[in-house]
Structures are given as C-alpha cells and as structure tokens.
Amino acid sequence: MRKLRIFEHISLDGVIQHSADDGDFPYSDWTAPYRTPAGRDAVLAAYGDRFDLLLGRRTYDIWSGFWPKAPSSPMSDRINAATKYVATHRPDSLVWGPFEGIGPDLVAGIRRVKSQDGPDLVVSGSSTLTSRLVEHGLADEVWLIVYPILLGKGKRFFAEGTPARSFELASTKAFPSGIVFNSYKAAGPLKSQP
C-alpha cells in the first residue's frame, strides 16, 4: 500500500497560502527569502526520487500554469513526471498530465489510489484536502516546513472543526536560514488525560 505524505510550507501562525490567485492575500512568494540549496535538497530527499501527486483542483490549476514551463531541474522533472491524482468535478478539463480524476467520492477514490501499486503520494498545498485526509485517517505522514515569520492572514493548514488527532514526531532538522523541517507520523485519535 502506498503512503500518503502531506507537505506544507507553513508560517509560525499556521498560514500555508502562497498566492493571491484565490483570494485577497498580500504576501505572494513569502518563502523566497529563505530558500537555500540545503533546503531544496532536504525537500527533494523528503519527496523521494519517485512520487505521485494528490492535488485539489485549485492547486492543480496553479501548478499546471507553472511547472510545465519551469526549467528542467530535479524538482520540476519529478513533478512533471508524477501522475497527478486530482480532486475535481471536471476531470474532462484536466490537461497537465499524466493525470487521473479521483472520482465523485473523494475518500473512496483516495483509498483506491493508495491501495494500488506505485510510488508514495505527495500532497502539497491543497488546503481543502488536508482536513479530509486527516479526518478519514488517509494521511500517513505530515511534513511541516516551518518559516520564522507571522503572516496574520491567509489559508490555514487545517480548517476549523478538523477532528482531533495525534501525531508522533519522526524527525526534525533546523537550517541556518531559520527554517525547521518537522516530520510527523499519524498516531491515531487524540491522546488526552481522563
């Protein structure tokens, strides 16, 4: 069974939004000042040599306007080669491939894809998916790439009302730029005191 890993570039106050394409967000490309070769290499290693993508429709549309035109690099080549599994009601309008629509039942569709042979699935962006993935126990790992900034507004990592869950810290690594990579493994329902 494939693993499903969520990767998010996130501010200290939980914002993951990176562009104004889908709202009134003033901080486009806020990660740029922190990018370093060491950070890029860490992201590449965490994604792996081969992976497929699980994307919400908005993220698919944003990425399809960028990655196919990006210069060849280890990241762009891997992203463009990955099969894009897309949560959409309009699969006939997908053009950046290889791709496959998840189908009308999101949870059943993701379970079907996870049960197939193939590389692990990577979710990046796609904020409307992350809460559902966690709610239904579909996320195996969460990677948070935490930036030392506060943004104050923008889409948050999880929607209000996402069910409580526990995660275990698998690894952490700090970089001189101030970024901290944290990897968590799903650990089931919230552990609380009686």
N, C-alpha and C. Protein backbone atom coordinates (compact mmCIF):
# COMPACT_ATOMS: atom_id res chain seq x y z
N MET A 1 0.85 -1.19 0.00
CA MET A 1 0.00 0.00 0.00
C MET A 1 0.88 1.24 0.00
N ARG A 2 0.50 2.20 -0.81
CA ARG A 2 1.25 3.45 -0.88
C ARG A 2 1.05 4.27 0.38
N LYS A 3 2.06 5.03 0.76
CA LYS A 3 1.91 6.01 1.83
C LYS A 3 1.46 7.33 1.23
N LEU A 4 0.74 8.09 2.02
CA LEU A 4 0.33 9.42 1.62
C LEU A 4 0.99 10.41 2.59
N ARG A 5 1.80 11.31 2.04
CA ARG A 5 2.53 12.28 2.83
C ARG A 5 2.08 13.69 2.48
N ILE A 6 1.72 14.46 3.48
CA ILE A 6 1.34 15.87 3.30
C ILE A 6 2.58 16.72 3.56
N PHE A 7 2.89 17.60 2.63
CA PHE A 7 3.99 18.55 2.78
C PHE A 7 3.42 19.96 2.75
N GLU A 8 3.76 20.76 3.74
CA GLU A 8 3.29 22.14 3.74
C GLU A 8 4.41 23.09 4.17
N HIS A 9 4.57 24.14 3.40
CA HIS A 9 5.39 25.28 3.80
C HIS A 9 4.45 26.14 4.64
N ILE A 10 4.84 26.42 5.89
CA ILE A 10 3.89 27.00 6.84
C ILE A 10 4.56 28.09 7.68
N SER A 11 3.81 29.15 7.93
CA SER A 11 4.30 30.20 8.81
C SER A 11 4.10 29.79 10.26
N LEU A 12 4.69 30.53 11.19
CA LEU A 12 4.52 30.21 12.61
C LEU A 12 3.06 30.27 13.04
N ASP A 13 2.27 31.11 12.36
CA ASP A 13 0.85 31.20 12.73
C ASP A 13 -0.05 30.32 11.86
N GLY A 14 0.54 29.33 11.19
CA GLY A 14 -0.25 28.29 10.53
C GLY A 14 -0.72 28.59 9.13
N VAL A 15 -0.22 29.66 8.50
CA VAL A 15 -0.66 30.01 7.14
C VAL A 15 0.14 29.21 6.12
N ILE A 16 -0.57 28.65 5.14
CA ILE A 16 0.09 27.89 4.07
C ILE A 16 -0.15 28.52 2.71
N GLN A 17 -0.97 29.54 2.62
CA GLN A 17 -1.29 30.19 1.35
C GLN A 17 -0.06 30.90 0.80
N HIS A 18 0.15 30.78 -0.52
CA HIS A 18 1.33 31.38 -1.14
C HIS A 18 1.03 32.36 -2.25
N SER A 19 -0.20 32.45 -2.67
CA SER A 19 -0.50 33.36 -3.78
C SER A 19 -1.88 33.98 -3.59
N ALA A 20 -2.10 35.06 -4.32
CA ALA A 20 -3.39 35.75 -4.27
C ALA A 20 -4.34 35.23 -5.33
N ASP A 21 -3.98 34.12 -6.01
CA ASP A 21 -4.80 33.60 -7.09
C ASP A 21 -6.22 33.26 -6.65
N ASP A 22 -6.39 32.93 -5.38
CA ASP A 22 -7.72 32.54 -4.93
C ASP A 22 -8.16 33.35 -3.72
N GLY A 23 -7.87 34.64 -3.71
CA GLY A 23 -8.34 35.48 -2.61
C GLY A 23 -7.50 36.74 -2.47
N ASP A 24 -7.80 37.49 -1.43
CA ASP A 24 -7.14 38.75 -1.15
C ASP A 24 -5.97 38.50 -0.20
N PHE A 25 -4.88 37.96 -0.75
CA PHE A 25 -3.71 37.60 0.05
C PHE A 25 -2.52 38.43 -0.42
N PRO A 26 -1.93 39.27 0.45
CA PRO A 26 -0.90 40.22 0.01
C PRO A 26 0.54 39.71 0.00
N TYR A 27 0.80 38.48 0.42
CA TYR A 27 2.18 38.04 0.63
C TYR A 27 2.61 36.96 -0.34
N SER A 28 2.51 37.20 -1.61
CA SER A 28 2.89 36.20 -2.60
C SER A 28 4.37 35.85 -2.47
N ASP A 29 4.65 34.56 -2.55
CA ASP A 29 6.01 34.03 -2.56
C ASP A 29 6.81 34.41 -1.31
N TRP A 30 6.19 34.31 -0.15
CA TRP A 30 6.84 34.67 1.11
C TRP A 30 7.95 33.71 1.52
N THR A 31 8.05 32.57 0.87
CA THR A 31 9.12 31.61 1.20
C THR A 31 10.44 31.96 0.51
N ALA A 32 10.40 32.78 -0.52
CA ALA A 32 11.58 33.04 -1.36
C ALA A 32 12.81 33.51 -0.57
N PRO A 33 12.69 34.43 0.39
CA PRO A 33 13.90 34.88 1.08
C PRO A 33 14.60 33.79 1.89
N TYR A 34 13.95 32.68 2.12
CA TYR A 34 14.50 31.62 2.96
C TYR A 34 15.03 30.43 2.16
N ARG A 35 14.90 30.48 0.86
CA ARG A 35 15.31 29.35 0.04
C ARG A 35 16.83 29.25 -0.01
N THR A 36 17.31 28.04 0.18
CA THR A 36 18.74 27.76 0.12
C THR A 36 18.94 26.43 -0.59
N PRO A 37 20.13 26.19 -1.11
CA PRO A 37 20.39 24.87 -1.70
C PRO A 37 20.18 23.73 -0.70
N ALA A 38 20.56 23.94 0.57
CA ALA A 38 20.37 22.88 1.57
C ALA A 38 18.90 22.59 1.80
N GLY A 39 18.06 23.62 1.83
CA GLY A 39 16.62 23.43 1.99
C GLY A 39 16.02 22.72 0.80
N ARG A 40 16.43 23.12 -0.40
CA ARG A 40 15.95 22.46 -1.62
C ARG A 40 16.30 20.98 -1.60
N ASP A 41 17.54 20.68 -1.23
CA ASP A 41 17.98 19.28 -1.19
C ASP A 41 17.20 18.48 -0.16
N ALA A 42 16.87 19.11 0.98
CA ALA A 42 16.08 18.42 2.01
C ALA A 42 14.67 18.13 1.51
N VAL A 43 14.06 19.07 0.79
CA VAL A 43 12.72 18.84 0.24
C VAL A 43 12.78 17.72 -0.79
N LEU A 44 13.77 17.76 -1.67
CA LEU A 44 13.92 16.70 -2.68
C LEU A 44 14.07 15.33 -2.02
N ALA A 45 14.88 15.26 -0.99
CA ALA A 45 15.09 13.98 -0.31
C ALA A 45 13.80 13.50 0.35
N ALA A 46 13.04 14.42 0.95
CA ALA A 46 11.79 14.04 1.62
C ALA A 46 10.73 13.59 0.61
N TYR A 47 10.66 14.26 -0.54
CA TYR A 47 9.71 13.84 -1.57
C TYR A 47 10.08 12.47 -2.13
N GLY A 48 11.38 12.23 -2.31
CA GLY A 48 11.85 10.96 -2.87
C GLY A 48 12.11 11.07 -4.36
N ASP A 49 12.79 10.06 -4.89
CA ASP A 49 13.13 10.06 -6.32
C ASP A 49 11.89 9.92 -7.20
N ARG A 50 10.92 9.14 -6.72
CA ARG A 50 9.67 8.93 -7.46
C ARG A 50 8.50 9.14 -6.52
N PHE A 51 7.50 9.82 -6.98
CA PHE A 51 6.28 10.02 -6.20
C PHE A 51 5.17 10.39 -7.17
N ASP A 52 3.95 10.22 -6.74
CA ASP A 52 2.80 10.75 -7.46
C ASP A 52 2.20 11.84 -6.61
N LEU A 53 1.39 12.68 -7.21
CA LEU A 53 0.80 13.83 -6.53
C LEU A 53 -0.69 13.64 -6.32
N LEU A 54 -1.17 14.07 -5.17
CA LEU A 54 -2.60 14.20 -4.91
C LEU A 54 -2.85 15.68 -4.75
N LEU A 55 -3.67 16.25 -5.61
CA LEU A 55 -3.88 17.69 -5.63
C LEU A 55 -5.36 18.04 -5.65
N GLY A 56 -5.69 19.11 -4.95
CA GLY A 56 -7.01 19.72 -5.11
C GLY A 56 -7.03 20.45 -6.45
N ARG A 57 -8.21 20.76 -6.92
CA ARG A 57 -8.33 21.37 -8.25
C ARG A 57 -7.63 22.72 -8.34
N ARG A 58 -7.77 23.58 -7.31
CA ARG A 58 -7.10 24.89 -7.36
C ARG A 58 -5.59 24.75 -7.44
N THR A 59 -5.04 23.87 -6.62
CA THR A 59 -3.58 23.68 -6.65
C THR A 59 -3.16 23.11 -8.00
N TYR A 60 -3.92 22.16 -8.52
CA TYR A 60 -3.62 21.62 -9.85
C TYR A 60 -3.59 22.74 -10.89
N ASP A 61 -4.59 23.62 -10.87
CA ASP A 61 -4.65 24.70 -11.86
C ASP A 61 -3.48 25.66 -11.70
N ILE A 62 -3.12 26.00 -10.46
CA ILE A 62 -1.98 26.90 -10.22
C ILE A 62 -0.68 26.24 -10.69
N TRP A 63 -0.49 24.99 -10.29
CA TRP A 63 0.75 24.29 -10.65
C TRP A 63 0.84 24.04 -12.15
N SER A 64 -0.29 23.77 -12.81
CA SER A 64 -0.24 23.49 -14.25
C SER A 64 0.12 24.73 -15.05
N GLY A 65 -0.02 25.91 -14.44
CA GLY A 65 0.42 27.14 -15.09
C GLY A 65 1.90 27.43 -14.87
N PHE A 66 2.53 26.69 -13.96
CA PHE A 66 3.94 26.95 -13.64
C PHE A 66 4.87 25.79 -14.01
N TRP A 67 4.63 24.60 -13.46
CA TRP A 67 5.61 23.52 -13.57
C TRP A 67 5.89 23.05 -15.00
N PRO A 68 4.91 22.96 -15.90
CA PRO A 68 5.25 22.52 -17.25
C PRO A 68 6.20 23.47 -17.98
N LYS A 69 6.22 24.75 -17.56
CA LYS A 69 7.08 25.75 -18.19
C LYS A 69 8.38 25.97 -17.43
N ALA A 70 8.52 25.37 -16.26
CA ALA A 70 9.71 25.57 -15.43
C ALA A 70 10.92 24.92 -16.09
N PRO A 71 12.10 25.55 -15.94
CA PRO A 71 13.31 24.93 -16.48
C PRO A 71 13.54 23.55 -15.86
N SER A 72 14.19 22.70 -16.59
CA SER A 72 14.48 21.36 -16.09
C SER A 72 15.33 21.45 -14.82
N SER A 73 14.91 20.72 -13.81
CA SER A 73 15.63 20.62 -12.55
C SER A 73 15.16 19.32 -11.90
N PRO A 74 15.87 18.86 -10.87
CA PRO A 74 15.39 17.63 -10.23
C PRO A 74 13.94 17.75 -9.74
N MET A 75 13.55 18.91 -9.17
CA MET A 75 12.18 19.06 -8.67
C MET A 75 11.18 19.16 -9.81
N SER A 76 11.43 20.03 -10.79
CA SER A 76 10.46 20.19 -11.88
C SER A 76 10.32 18.90 -12.69
N ASP A 77 11.43 18.20 -12.92
CA ASP A 77 11.36 16.95 -13.69
C ASP A 77 10.52 15.91 -12.94
N ARG A 78 10.70 15.80 -11.62
CA ARG A 78 9.94 14.82 -10.83
C ARG A 78 8.46 15.19 -10.77
N ILE A 79 8.17 16.46 -10.58
CA ILE A 79 6.77 16.90 -10.51
C ILE A 79 6.07 16.69 -11.84
N ASN A 80 6.72 17.05 -12.93
CA ASN A 80 6.10 16.87 -14.24
C ASN A 80 5.92 15.40 -14.61
N ALA A 81 6.81 14.53 -14.14
CA ALA A 81 6.70 13.10 -14.44
C ALA A 81 5.66 12.40 -13.57
N ALA A 82 5.36 12.96 -12.41
CA ALA A 82 4.43 12.32 -11.47
C ALA A 82 3.03 12.25 -12.05
N THR A 83 2.32 11.16 -11.73
CA THR A 83 0.89 11.12 -12.03
C THR A 83 0.20 12.05 -11.05
N LYS A 84 -0.67 12.91 -11.58
CA LYS A 84 -1.41 13.86 -10.75
C LYS A 84 -2.81 13.31 -10.54
N TYR A 85 -3.11 12.90 -9.30
CA TYR A 85 -4.46 12.48 -8.93
C TYR A 85 -5.16 13.72 -8.43
N VAL A 86 -6.25 14.09 -9.09
CA VAL A 86 -6.86 15.40 -8.85
C VAL A 86 -8.28 15.26 -8.33
N ALA A 87 -8.55 15.95 -7.23
CA ALA A 87 -9.91 16.03 -6.70
C ALA A 87 -10.64 17.12 -7.47
N THR A 88 -11.51 16.71 -8.38
CA THR A 88 -12.20 17.67 -9.24
C THR A 88 -13.54 17.12 -9.69
N HIS A 89 -14.47 18.03 -9.95
CA HIS A 89 -15.77 17.67 -10.54
C HIS A 89 -15.70 17.78 -12.06
N ARG A 90 -14.55 18.24 -12.58
CA ARG A 90 -14.39 18.45 -14.02
C ARG A 90 -13.16 17.73 -14.55
N PRO A 91 -13.08 16.40 -14.43
CA PRO A 91 -11.87 15.70 -14.88
C PRO A 91 -11.63 15.83 -16.38
N ASP A 92 -12.68 16.10 -17.17
CA ASP A 92 -12.52 16.24 -18.61
C ASP A 92 -11.74 17.50 -18.97
N SER A 93 -11.57 18.44 -18.03
CA SER A 93 -10.84 19.67 -18.33
C SER A 93 -9.38 19.62 -17.88
N LEU A 94 -8.92 18.48 -17.38
CA LEU A 94 -7.52 18.35 -16.99
C LEU A 94 -6.65 18.22 -18.23
N VAL A 95 -5.50 18.91 -18.25
CA VAL A 95 -4.63 18.84 -19.42
C VAL A 95 -3.18 18.53 -19.07
N TRP A 96 -2.74 18.87 -17.86
CA TRP A 96 -1.34 18.64 -17.48
C TRP A 96 -1.23 17.24 -16.90
N GLY A 97 -0.56 16.39 -17.60
CA GLY A 97 -0.53 15.00 -17.19
C GLY A 97 0.87 14.50 -16.94
N PRO A 98 0.96 13.23 -16.68
CA PRO A 98 -0.16 12.30 -16.62
C PRO A 98 -1.08 12.62 -15.44
N PHE A 99 -2.39 12.38 -15.63
CA PHE A 99 -3.35 12.74 -14.59
C PHE A 99 -4.48 11.72 -14.54
N GLU A 100 -5.19 11.77 -13.42
CA GLU A 100 -6.39 10.95 -13.24
C GLU A 100 -7.28 11.67 -12.24
N GLY A 101 -8.56 11.77 -12.53
CA GLY A 101 -9.51 12.30 -11.57
C GLY A 101 -9.75 11.30 -10.46
N ILE A 102 -9.93 11.78 -9.25
CA ILE A 102 -10.16 10.90 -8.09
C ILE A 102 -11.54 10.25 -8.15
N GLY A 103 -12.50 10.94 -8.73
CA GLY A 103 -13.86 10.41 -8.78
C GLY A 103 -14.77 11.17 -7.84
N PRO A 104 -16.08 10.91 -7.89
CA PRO A 104 -17.04 11.69 -7.12
C PRO A 104 -16.96 11.47 -5.61
N ASP A 105 -16.49 10.30 -5.17
CA ASP A 105 -16.36 10.02 -3.74
C ASP A 105 -14.88 10.16 -3.38
N LEU A 106 -14.51 11.30 -2.81
CA LEU A 106 -13.11 11.62 -2.53
C LEU A 106 -12.45 10.56 -1.67
N VAL A 107 -13.06 10.20 -0.57
CA VAL A 107 -12.46 9.25 0.36
C VAL A 107 -12.27 7.89 -0.30
N ALA A 108 -13.29 7.38 -0.95
CA ALA A 108 -13.17 6.08 -1.63
C ALA A 108 -12.13 6.14 -2.74
N GLY A 109 -12.09 7.24 -3.46
CA GLY A 109 -11.12 7.40 -4.55
C GLY A 109 -9.69 7.39 -4.04
N ILE A 110 -9.44 8.08 -2.94
CA ILE A 110 -8.08 8.11 -2.38
C ILE A 110 -7.71 6.74 -1.82
N ARG A 111 -8.66 6.08 -1.17
CA ARG A 111 -8.37 4.72 -0.68
C ARG A 111 -8.02 3.79 -1.85
N ARG A 112 -8.73 3.93 -2.95
CA ARG A 112 -8.46 3.11 -4.13
C ARG A 112 -7.04 3.37 -4.64
N VAL A 113 -6.67 4.65 -4.77
CA VAL A 113 -5.34 5.00 -5.28
C VAL A 113 -4.25 4.52 -4.32
N LYS A 114 -4.47 4.68 -3.01
CA LYS A 114 -3.48 4.23 -2.04
C LYS A 114 -3.28 2.72 -2.09
N SER A 115 -4.32 1.97 -2.43
CA SER A 115 -4.22 0.52 -2.44
C SER A 115 -3.52 -0.02 -3.68
N GLN A 116 -3.33 0.81 -4.69
CA GLN A 116 -2.68 0.38 -5.93
C GLN A 116 -1.17 0.35 -5.76
N ASP A 117 -0.50 -0.41 -6.60
CA ASP A 117 0.96 -0.37 -6.65
C ASP A 117 1.39 0.97 -7.22
N GLY A 118 2.52 1.45 -6.75
CA GLY A 118 3.06 2.70 -7.27
C GLY A 118 3.83 3.43 -6.20
N PRO A 119 4.40 4.56 -6.58
CA PRO A 119 5.16 5.34 -5.62
C PRO A 119 4.24 6.00 -4.59
N ASP A 120 4.84 6.48 -3.51
CA ASP A 120 4.07 7.19 -2.49
C ASP A 120 3.37 8.41 -3.09
N LEU A 121 2.33 8.85 -2.41
CA LEU A 121 1.57 10.02 -2.82
C LEU A 121 2.00 11.22 -1.99
N VAL A 122 2.18 12.35 -2.66
CA VAL A 122 2.56 13.59 -2.02
C VAL A 122 1.44 14.60 -2.21
N VAL A 123 1.04 15.24 -1.11
CA VAL A 123 0.07 16.33 -1.14
C VAL A 123 0.82 17.59 -0.75
N SER A 124 0.71 18.62 -1.56
CA SER A 124 1.31 19.90 -1.23
C SER A 124 0.29 20.97 -1.60
N GLY A 125 0.16 21.99 -0.74
CA GLY A 125 -0.91 22.95 -0.97
C GLY A 125 -2.23 22.25 -0.69
N SER A 126 -3.20 22.47 -1.55
CA SER A 126 -4.45 21.73 -1.49
C SER A 126 -5.08 21.75 -0.10
N SER A 127 -5.23 22.95 0.46
CA SER A 127 -5.69 23.10 1.84
C SER A 127 -7.08 22.53 2.08
N THR A 128 -7.92 22.46 1.07
CA THR A 128 -9.24 21.89 1.29
C THR A 128 -9.19 20.37 1.45
N LEU A 129 -8.11 19.73 0.98
CA LEU A 129 -7.97 18.28 1.12
C LEU A 129 -7.40 17.86 2.47
N THR A 130 -6.49 18.66 3.02
CA THR A 130 -5.73 18.20 4.19
C THR A 130 -6.63 17.81 5.36
N SER A 131 -7.64 18.59 5.65
CA SER A 131 -8.54 18.25 6.76
C SER A 131 -9.27 16.95 6.51
N ARG A 132 -9.73 16.73 5.30
CA ARG A 132 -10.45 15.49 4.98
C ARG A 132 -9.52 14.28 5.06
N LEU A 133 -8.29 14.46 4.61
CA LEU A 133 -7.32 13.36 4.66
C LEU A 133 -7.07 12.92 6.10
N VAL A 134 -6.88 13.89 6.98
CA VAL A 134 -6.65 13.58 8.39
C VAL A 134 -7.91 13.01 9.03
N GLU A 135 -9.06 13.62 8.74
CA GLU A 135 -10.33 13.17 9.32
C GLU A 135 -10.58 11.69 9.04
N HIS A 136 -10.24 11.24 7.85
CA HIS A 136 -10.53 9.86 7.45
C HIS A 136 -9.33 8.93 7.57
N GLY A 137 -8.29 9.38 8.26
CA GLY A 137 -7.13 8.52 8.51
C GLY A 137 -6.36 8.15 7.26
N LEU A 138 -6.36 9.03 6.26
CA LEU A 138 -5.70 8.73 5.00
C LEU A 138 -4.26 9.24 4.93
N ALA A 139 -3.89 10.17 5.80
CA ALA A 139 -2.54 10.73 5.80
C ALA A 139 -1.65 9.90 6.71
N ASP A 140 -0.56 9.40 6.15
CA ASP A 140 0.39 8.61 6.93
C ASP A 140 1.46 9.47 7.59
N GLU A 141 1.84 10.54 6.92
CA GLU A 141 2.87 11.45 7.44
C GLU A 141 2.49 12.89 7.13
N VAL A 142 2.94 13.78 7.98
CA VAL A 142 2.79 15.22 7.75
C VAL A 142 4.17 15.84 7.90
N TRP A 143 4.61 16.52 6.87
CA TRP A 143 5.88 17.23 6.87
C TRP A 143 5.57 18.73 6.91
N LEU A 144 6.01 19.40 7.94
CA LEU A 144 5.83 20.84 8.06
C LEU A 144 7.18 21.53 7.90
N ILE A 145 7.26 22.38 6.92
CA ILE A 145 8.45 23.18 6.69
C ILE A 145 8.11 24.56 7.25
N VAL A 146 8.57 24.81 8.47
CA VAL A 146 8.14 25.96 9.26
C VAL A 146 9.10 27.14 9.04
N TYR A 147 8.52 28.29 8.68
CA TYR A 147 9.29 29.51 8.42
C TYR A 147 9.16 30.45 9.61
N PRO A 148 10.22 31.19 9.94
CA PRO A 148 10.22 32.05 11.13
C PRO A 148 9.53 33.39 10.88
N ILE A 149 8.27 33.32 10.46
CA ILE A 149 7.51 34.54 10.18
C ILE A 149 6.06 34.38 10.62
N LEU A 150 5.41 35.51 10.85
CA LEU A 150 3.97 35.57 11.09
C LEU A 150 3.34 36.30 9.92
N LEU A 151 2.26 35.77 9.38
CA LEU A 151 1.58 36.40 8.24
C LEU A 151 0.26 37.04 8.63
N GLY A 152 -0.38 36.55 9.67
CA GLY A 152 -1.59 37.19 10.18
C GLY A 152 -2.86 36.89 9.43
N LYS A 153 -2.77 36.57 8.16
CA LYS A 153 -3.97 36.23 7.38
C LYS A 153 -3.58 35.26 6.28
N GLY A 154 -4.58 34.57 5.78
CA GLY A 154 -4.36 33.60 4.72
C GLY A 154 -4.94 32.25 5.11
N LYS A 155 -4.94 31.33 4.15
CA LYS A 155 -5.46 29.98 4.40
C LYS A 155 -4.59 29.27 5.41
N ARG A 156 -5.25 28.62 6.35
CA ARG A 156 -4.56 27.87 7.40
C ARG A 156 -4.40 26.42 6.98
N PHE A 157 -3.50 25.75 7.65
CA PHE A 157 -3.21 24.35 7.34
C PHE A 157 -4.44 23.47 7.49
N PHE A 158 -5.10 23.56 8.63
CA PHE A 158 -6.30 22.76 8.85
C PHE A 158 -7.50 23.68 9.06
N ALA A 159 -8.64 23.26 8.54
CA ALA A 159 -9.88 24.00 8.70
C ALA A 159 -10.39 23.88 10.13
N GLU A 160 -11.10 24.90 10.57
CA GLU A 160 -11.77 24.85 11.87
C GLU A 160 -12.69 23.64 11.88
N GLY A 161 -12.66 22.87 12.96
CA GLY A 161 -13.53 21.71 13.07
C GLY A 161 -12.90 20.40 12.61
N THR A 162 -11.63 20.45 12.17
CA THR A 162 -10.95 19.20 11.82
C THR A 162 -10.88 18.32 13.07
N PRO A 163 -11.25 17.06 12.97
CA PRO A 163 -11.25 16.20 14.16
C PRO A 163 -9.87 16.11 14.81
N ALA A 164 -9.87 16.00 16.12
CA ALA A 164 -8.63 15.88 16.89
C ALA A 164 -7.91 14.59 16.52
N ARG A 165 -6.59 14.66 16.40
CA ARG A 165 -5.75 13.51 16.07
C ARG A 165 -4.41 13.66 16.76
N SER A 166 -3.71 12.56 16.92
CA SER A 166 -2.35 12.57 17.47
C SER A 166 -1.35 12.24 16.38
N PHE A 167 -0.18 12.85 16.49
CA PHE A 167 0.93 12.56 15.59
C PHE A 167 2.18 12.39 16.45
N GLU A 168 3.12 11.61 15.97
CA GLU A 168 4.38 11.41 16.66
C GLU A 168 5.49 12.05 15.84
N LEU A 169 6.37 12.80 16.50
CA LEU A 169 7.49 13.41 15.82
C LEU A 169 8.43 12.31 15.32
N ALA A 170 8.70 12.30 14.01
CA ALA A 170 9.59 11.31 13.42
C ALA A 170 10.99 11.88 13.24
N SER A 171 11.06 13.16 12.86
CA SER A 171 12.36 13.80 12.68
C SER A 171 12.19 15.30 12.68
N THR A 172 13.29 15.97 12.98
CA THR A 172 13.30 17.43 12.91
C THR A 172 14.69 17.87 12.53
N LYS A 173 14.77 18.93 11.73
CA LYS A 173 16.06 19.46 11.32
C LYS A 173 15.92 20.97 11.14
N ALA A 174 16.83 21.70 11.77
CA ALA A 174 16.85 23.16 11.65
C ALA A 174 17.91 23.56 10.63
N PHE A 175 17.63 24.64 9.90
CA PHE A 175 18.55 25.17 8.91
C PHE A 175 18.98 26.57 9.32
N PRO A 176 20.19 27.00 8.92
CA PRO A 176 20.68 28.33 9.31
C PRO A 176 19.75 29.48 8.89
N SER A 177 18.94 29.28 7.86
CA SER A 177 18.02 30.34 7.42
C SER A 177 16.87 30.56 8.41
N GLY A 178 16.72 29.66 9.38
CA GLY A 178 15.62 29.76 10.34
C GLY A 178 14.49 28.80 10.08
N ILE A 179 14.53 28.11 8.95
CA ILE A 179 13.50 27.12 8.63
C ILE A 179 13.74 25.87 9.46
N VAL A 180 12.65 25.24 9.89
CA VAL A 180 12.72 23.97 10.61
C VAL A 180 11.83 22.96 9.88
N PHE A 181 12.41 21.82 9.53
CA PHE A 181 11.65 20.72 8.91
C PHE A 181 11.23 19.78 10.02
N ASN A 182 9.94 19.54 10.14
CA ASN A 182 9.42 18.59 11.12
C ASN A 182 8.62 17.53 10.38
N SER A 183 8.90 16.28 10.68
CA SER A 183 8.17 15.17 10.09
C SER A 183 7.41 14.46 11.21
N TYR A 184 6.12 14.22 10.96
CA TYR A 184 5.26 13.55 11.94
C TYR A 184 4.61 12.34 11.30
N LYS A 185 4.44 11.29 12.09
CA LYS A 185 3.70 10.11 11.64
C LYS A 185 2.35 10.07 12.35
N ALA A 186 1.32 9.70 11.61
CA ALA A 186 -0.02 9.59 12.18
C ALA A 186 0.00 8.58 13.33
N ALA A 187 -0.65 8.95 14.45
CA ALA A 187 -0.66 8.08 15.63
C ALA A 187 -2.08 7.81 16.14
N GLY A 188 -3.08 8.13 15.33
CA GLY A 188 -4.46 7.80 15.72
C GLY A 188 -5.19 8.90 16.44
N PRO A 189 -6.22 8.53 17.20
CA PRO A 189 -7.04 9.51 17.90
C PRO A 189 -6.23 10.30 18.93
N LEU A 190 -6.74 11.45 19.30
CA LEU A 190 -6.09 12.31 20.28
C LEU A 190 -5.91 11.58 21.60
N LYS A 191 -4.72 11.66 22.14
CA LYS A 191 -4.43 11.09 23.45
C LYS A 191 -4.60 12.22 24.47
N SER A 192 -5.52 12.03 25.39
CA SER A 192 -5.76 13.07 26.39
C SER A 192 -5.88 12.45 27.78
N GLN A 193 -5.80 13.30 28.78
CA GLN A 193 -5.93 12.82 30.15
C GLN A 193 -7.40 12.53 30.45
N PRO A 194 -7.66 11.48 31.24
CA PRO A 194 -9.05 11.14 31.57
C PRO A 194 -9.67 12.20 32.47
